[in-house]
Amino acid sequence: MDRPLLVGWSYGALLGVHWADRNPGRVIGVVGPFPMGWTDDTDLDRARKLFHR
């Protein structure tokens, strides 16, 4: 594969963008949603419950 399309989610999307920026001729593009606004108190409590079962 000469020029891949990088696909990532959340932090993976940021890594893909960073890598593509440093290697512009080696990638055809980057696709990756980055979730926004999920760090309020309600969502943090929910995340704590999900990961500390």
PDB file of N, CA and C in Angstrom:
ATOM      1  N   MET A   1       0.847  -1.158   0.000  1.00  0.00           N
ATOM      2  CA  MET A   1       0.000   0.000   0.000  1.00  0.00           C
ATOM      3  C   MET A   1       0.903   1.234   0.000  1.00  0.00           C
ATOM      4  N   ASP A   2       0.780   2.029  -1.030  1.00  0.00           N
ATOM      5  CA  ASP A   2       1.656   3.193  -1.159  1.00  0.00           C
ATOM      6  C   ASP A   2       1.200   4.377  -0.317  1.00  0.00           C
ATOM      7  N   ARG A   3      -0.074   4.733  -0.430  1.00  0.00           N
ATOM      8  CA  ARG A   3      -0.593   5.901   0.285  1.00  0.00           C
ATOM      9  C   ARG A   3      -1.921   5.532   0.944  1.00  0.00           C
ATOM     10  N   PRO A   4      -1.904   5.120   2.203  1.00  0.00           N
ATOM     11  CA  PRO A   4      -3.132   4.678   2.858  1.00  0.00           C
ATOM     12  C   PRO A   4      -4.030   5.842   3.256  1.00  0.00           C
ATOM     13  N   LEU A   5      -5.282   5.516   3.462  1.00  0.00           N
ATOM     14  CA  LEU A   5      -6.244   6.418   4.082  1.00  0.00           C
ATOM     15  C   LEU A   5      -6.265   6.042   5.554  1.00  0.00           C
ATOM     16  N   LEU A   6      -5.836   6.952   6.412  1.00  0.00           N
ATOM     17  CA  LEU A   6      -5.782   6.661   7.838  1.00  0.00           C
ATOM     18  C   LEU A   6      -7.151   6.907   8.459  1.00  0.00           C
ATOM     19  N   VAL A   7      -7.614   5.950   9.249  1.00  0.00           N
ATOM     20  CA  VAL A   7      -8.905   6.059   9.924  1.00  0.00           C
ATOM     21  C   VAL A   7      -8.673   5.831  11.407  1.00  0.00           C
ATOM     22  N   GLY A   8      -9.160   6.737  12.227  1.00  0.00           N
ATOM     23  CA  GLY A   8      -9.006   6.596  13.672  1.00  0.00           C
ATOM     24  C   GLY A   8     -10.198   7.182  14.394  1.00  0.00           C
ATOM     25  N   TRP A   9     -10.302   6.862  15.670  1.00  0.00           N
ATOM     26  CA  TRP A   9     -11.395   7.374  16.501  1.00  0.00           C
ATOM     27  C   TRP A   9     -10.789   8.064  17.710  1.00  0.00           C
ATOM     28  N   SER A  10     -11.280   9.245  18.021  1.00  0.00           N
ATOM     29  CA  SER A  10     -10.864   9.981  19.203  1.00  0.00           C
ATOM     30  C   SER A  10      -9.358  10.236  19.155  1.00  0.00           C
ATOM     31  N   TYR A  11      -8.606   9.701  20.112  1.00  0.00           N
ATOM     32  CA  TYR A  11      -7.165   9.946  20.134  1.00  0.00           C
ATOM     33  C   TYR A  11      -6.473   9.351  18.907  1.00  0.00           C
ATOM     34  N   GLY A  12      -7.007   8.248  18.394  1.00  0.00           N
ATOM     35  CA  GLY A  12      -6.460   7.661  17.168  1.00  0.00           C
ATOM     36  C   GLY A  12      -6.573   8.609  15.989  1.00  0.00           C
ATOM     37  N   ALA A  13      -7.653   9.390  15.951  1.00  0.00           N
ATOM     38  CA  ALA A  13      -7.806  10.390  14.892  1.00  0.00           C
ATOM     39  C   ALA A  13      -6.738  11.472  15.020  1.00  0.00           C
ATOM     40  N   LEU A  14      -6.475  11.894  16.250  1.00  0.00           N
ATOM     41  CA  LEU A  14      -5.429  12.900  16.459  1.00  0.00           C
ATOM     42  C   LEU A  14      -4.057  12.370  16.057  1.00  0.00           C
ATOM     43  N   LEU A  15      -3.797  11.109  16.381  1.00  0.00           N
ATOM     44  CA  LEU A  15      -2.519  10.510  15.969  1.00  0.00           C
ATOM     45  C   LEU A  15      -2.405  10.442  14.452  1.00  0.00           C
ATOM     46  N   GLY A  16      -3.508  10.097  13.781  1.00  0.00           N
ATOM     47  CA  GLY A  16      -3.501  10.043  12.323  1.00  0.00           C
ATOM     48  C   GLY A  16      -3.225  11.401  11.699  1.00  0.00           C
ATOM     49  N   VAL A  17      -3.847  12.426  12.234  1.00  0.00           N
ATOM     50  CA  VAL A  17      -3.622  13.789  11.730  1.00  0.00           C
ATOM     51  C   VAL A  17      -2.173  14.201  11.967  1.00  0.00           C
ATOM     52  N   HIS A  18      -1.657  13.909  13.134  1.00  0.00           N
ATOM     53  CA  HIS A  18      -0.266  14.255  13.452  1.00  0.00           C
ATOM     54  C   HIS A  18       0.698  13.544  12.497  1.00  0.00           C
ATOM     55  N   TRP A  19       0.479  12.233  12.289  1.00  0.00           N
ATOM     56  CA  TRP A  19       1.355  11.470  11.406  1.00  0.00           C
ATOM     57  C   TRP A  19       1.260  11.985   9.973  1.00  0.00           C
ATOM     58  N   ALA A  20       0.036  12.258   9.516  1.00  0.00           N
ATOM     59  CA  ALA A  20      -0.154  12.753   8.147  1.00  0.00           C
ATOM     60  C   ALA A  20       0.496  14.119   7.961  1.00  0.00           C
ATOM     61  N   ASP A  21       0.445  14.948   8.995  1.00  0.00           N
ATOM     62  CA  ASP A  21       1.079  16.266   8.913  1.00  0.00           C
ATOM     63  C   ASP A  21       2.594  16.133   8.776  1.00  0.00           C
ATOM     64  N   ARG A  22       3.152  15.162   9.455  1.00  0.00           N
ATOM     65  CA  ARG A  22       4.603  14.954   9.396  1.00  0.00           C
ATOM     66  C   ARG A  22       5.039  14.180   8.158  1.00  0.00           C
ATOM     67  N   ASN A  23       4.096  13.490   7.503  1.00  0.00           N
ATOM     68  CA  ASN A  23       4.398  12.660   6.327  1.00  0.00           C
ATOM     69  C   ASN A  23       3.382  12.924   5.217  1.00  0.00           C
ATOM     70  N   PRO A  24       3.285  14.150   4.720  1.00  0.00           N
ATOM     71  CA  PRO A  24       2.199  14.495   3.791  1.00  0.00           C
ATOM     72  C   PRO A  24       2.210  13.717   2.478  1.00  0.00           C
ATOM     73  N   GLY A  25       3.343  13.287   2.007  1.00  0.00           N
ATOM     74  CA  GLY A  25       3.394  12.552   0.754  1.00  0.00           C
ATOM     75  C   GLY A  25       3.131  11.059   0.891  1.00  0.00           C
ATOM     76  N   ARG A  26       2.973  10.592   2.123  1.00  0.00           N
ATOM     77  CA  ARG A  26       2.831   9.152   2.353  1.00  0.00           C
ATOM     78  C   ARG A  26       1.408   8.727   2.682  1.00  0.00           C
ATOM     79  N   VAL A  27       0.478   9.652   2.708  1.00  0.00           N
ATOM     80  CA  VAL A  27      -0.904   9.327   3.071  1.00  0.00           C
ATOM     81  C   VAL A  27      -1.859  10.043   2.122  1.00  0.00           C
ATOM     82  N   ILE A  28      -2.953   9.378   1.777  1.00  0.00           N
ATOM     83  CA  ILE A  28      -3.924   9.990   0.866  1.00  0.00           C
ATOM     84  C   ILE A  28      -4.922  10.876   1.618  1.00  0.00           C
ATOM     85  N   GLY A  29      -5.138  10.563   2.890  1.00  0.00           N
ATOM     86  CA  GLY A  29      -6.058  11.357   3.695  1.00  0.00           C
ATOM     87  C   GLY A  29      -6.233  10.771   5.083  1.00  0.00           C
ATOM     88  N   VAL A  30      -6.983  11.502   5.913  1.00  0.00           N
ATOM     89  CA  VAL A  30      -7.258  11.083   7.285  1.00  0.00           C
ATOM     90  C   VAL A  30      -8.742  11.268   7.551  1.00  0.00           C
ATOM     91  N   VAL A  31      -9.347  10.247   8.136  1.00  0.00           N
ATOM     92  CA  VAL A  31     -10.751  10.317   8.534  1.00  0.00           C
ATOM     93  C   VAL A  31     -10.814   9.956  10.006  1.00  0.00           C
ATOM     94  N   GLY A  32     -11.485  10.774  10.788  1.00  0.00           N
ATOM     95  CA  GLY A  32     -11.602  10.421  12.197  1.00  0.00           C
ATOM     96  C   GLY A  32     -12.458  11.391  12.970  1.00  0.00           C
ATOM     97  N   PRO A  33     -13.575  10.917  13.500  1.00  0.00           N
ATOM     98  CA  PRO A  33     -14.378  11.777  14.369  1.00  0.00           C
ATOM     99  C   PRO A  33     -13.686  11.954  15.711  1.00  0.00           C
ATOM    100  N   PHE A  34     -13.812  13.110  16.249  1.00  0.00           N
ATOM    101  CA  PHE A  34     -13.250  13.399  17.558  1.00  0.00           C
ATOM    102  C   PHE A  34     -14.391  13.854  18.450  1.00  0.00           C
ATOM    103  N   PRO A  35     -14.762  13.072  19.460  1.00  0.00           N
ATOM    104  CA  PRO A  35     -15.900  13.449  20.308  1.00  0.00           C
ATOM    105  C   PRO A  35     -15.615  14.731  21.080  1.00  0.00           C
ATOM    106  N   MET A  36     -16.601  15.568  21.153  1.00  0.00           N
ATOM    107  CA  MET A  36     -16.466  16.844  21.857  1.00  0.00           C
ATOM    108  C   MET A  36     -17.544  16.947  22.925  1.00  0.00           C
ATOM    109  N   GLY A  37     -17.234  17.630  23.994  1.00  0.00           N
ATOM    110  CA  GLY A  37     -18.230  17.949  25.004  1.00  0.00           C
ATOM    111  C   GLY A  37     -18.683  16.787  25.856  1.00  0.00           C
ATOM    112  N   TRP A  38     -17.866  15.776  26.042  1.00  0.00           N
ATOM    113  CA  TRP A  38     -18.281  14.638  26.845  1.00  0.00           C
ATOM    114  C   TRP A  38     -17.604  14.612  28.206  1.00  0.00           C
ATOM    115  N   THR A  39     -17.033  15.713  28.604  1.00  0.00           N
ATOM    116  CA  THR A  39     -16.297  15.732  29.860  1.00  0.00           C
ATOM    117  C   THR A  39     -16.986  16.540  30.946  1.00  0.00           C
ATOM    118  N   ASP A  40     -18.320  16.677  30.870  1.00  0.00           N
ATOM    119  CA  ASP A  40     -18.989  17.332  31.985  1.00  0.00           C
ATOM    120  C   ASP A  40     -19.117  16.332  33.140  1.00  0.00           C
ATOM    121  N   ASP A  41     -19.578  16.794  34.295  1.00  0.00           N
ATOM    122  CA  ASP A  41     -19.610  15.943  35.487  1.00  0.00           C
ATOM    123  C   ASP A  41     -20.468  14.700  35.311  1.00  0.00           C
ATOM    124  N   THR A  42     -21.604  14.831  34.630  1.00  0.00           N
ATOM    125  CA  THR A  42     -22.487  13.684  34.423  1.00  0.00           C
ATOM    126  C   THR A  42     -21.796  12.604  33.609  1.00  0.00           C
ATOM    127  N   ASP A  43     -21.147  12.997  32.539  1.00  0.00           N
ATOM    128  CA  ASP A  43     -20.471  12.017  31.692  1.00  0.00           C
ATOM    129  C   ASP A  43     -19.242  11.421  32.374  1.00  0.00           C
ATOM    130  N   LEU A  44     -18.543  12.209  33.177  1.00  0.00           N
ATOM    131  CA  LEU A  44     -17.405  11.659  33.910  1.00  0.00           C
ATOM    132  C   LEU A  44     -17.869  10.614  34.916  1.00  0.00           C
ATOM    133  N   ASP A  45     -18.979  10.876  35.602  1.00  0.00           N
ATOM    134  CA  ASP A  45     -19.527   9.885  36.537  1.00  0.00           C
ATOM    135  C   ASP A  45     -19.927   8.614  35.803  1.00  0.00           C
ATOM    136  N   ARG A  46     -20.555   8.772  34.645  1.00  0.00           N
ATOM    137  CA  ARG A  46     -20.949   7.605  33.853  1.00  0.00           C
ATOM    138  C   ARG A  46     -19.723   6.804  33.412  1.00  0.00           C
ATOM    139  N   ALA A  47     -18.675   7.484  32.978  1.00  0.00           N
ATOM    140  CA  ALA A  47     -17.452   6.796  32.556  1.00  0.00           C
ATOM    141  C   ALA A  47     -16.815   6.059  33.729  1.00  0.00           C
ATOM    142  N   ARG A  48     -16.820   6.682  34.902  1.00  0.00           N
ATOM    143  CA  ARG A  48     -16.262   6.006  36.083  1.00  0.00           C
ATOM    144  C   ARG A  48     -17.028   4.726  36.394  1.00  0.00           C
ATOM    145  N   LYS A  49     -18.352   4.784  36.296  1.00  0.00           N
ATOM    146  CA  LYS A  49     -19.172   3.596  36.561  1.00  0.00           C
ATOM    147  C   LYS A  49     -18.921   2.514  35.510  1.00  0.00           C
ATOM    148  N   LEU A  50     -18.777   2.911  34.251  1.00  0.00           N
ATOM    149  CA  LEU A  50     -18.558   1.930  33.189  1.00  0.00           C
ATOM    150  C   LEU A  50     -17.227   1.202  33.329  1.00  0.00           C
ATOM    151  N   PHE A  51     -16.191   1.923  33.718  1.00  0.00           N
ATOM    152  CA  PHE A  51     -14.860   1.331  33.729  1.00  0.00           C
ATOM    153  C   PHE A  51     -14.420   0.813  35.096  1.00  0.00           C
ATOM    154  N   HIS A  52     -15.238   1.018  36.107  1.00  0.00           N
ATOM    155  CA  HIS A  52     -14.890   0.511  37.446  1.00  0.00           C
ATOM    156  C   HIS A  52     -15.945  -0.455  37.954  1.00  0.00           C
ATOM    157  N   ARG A  53     -16.448  -1.315  37.088  1.00  0.00           N
ATOM    158  CA  ARG A  53     -17.464  -2.288  37.501  1.00  0.00           C
ATOM    159  C   ARG A  53     -16.863  -3.327  38.390  1.00  0.00           C
TER     160      ARG A  53
END
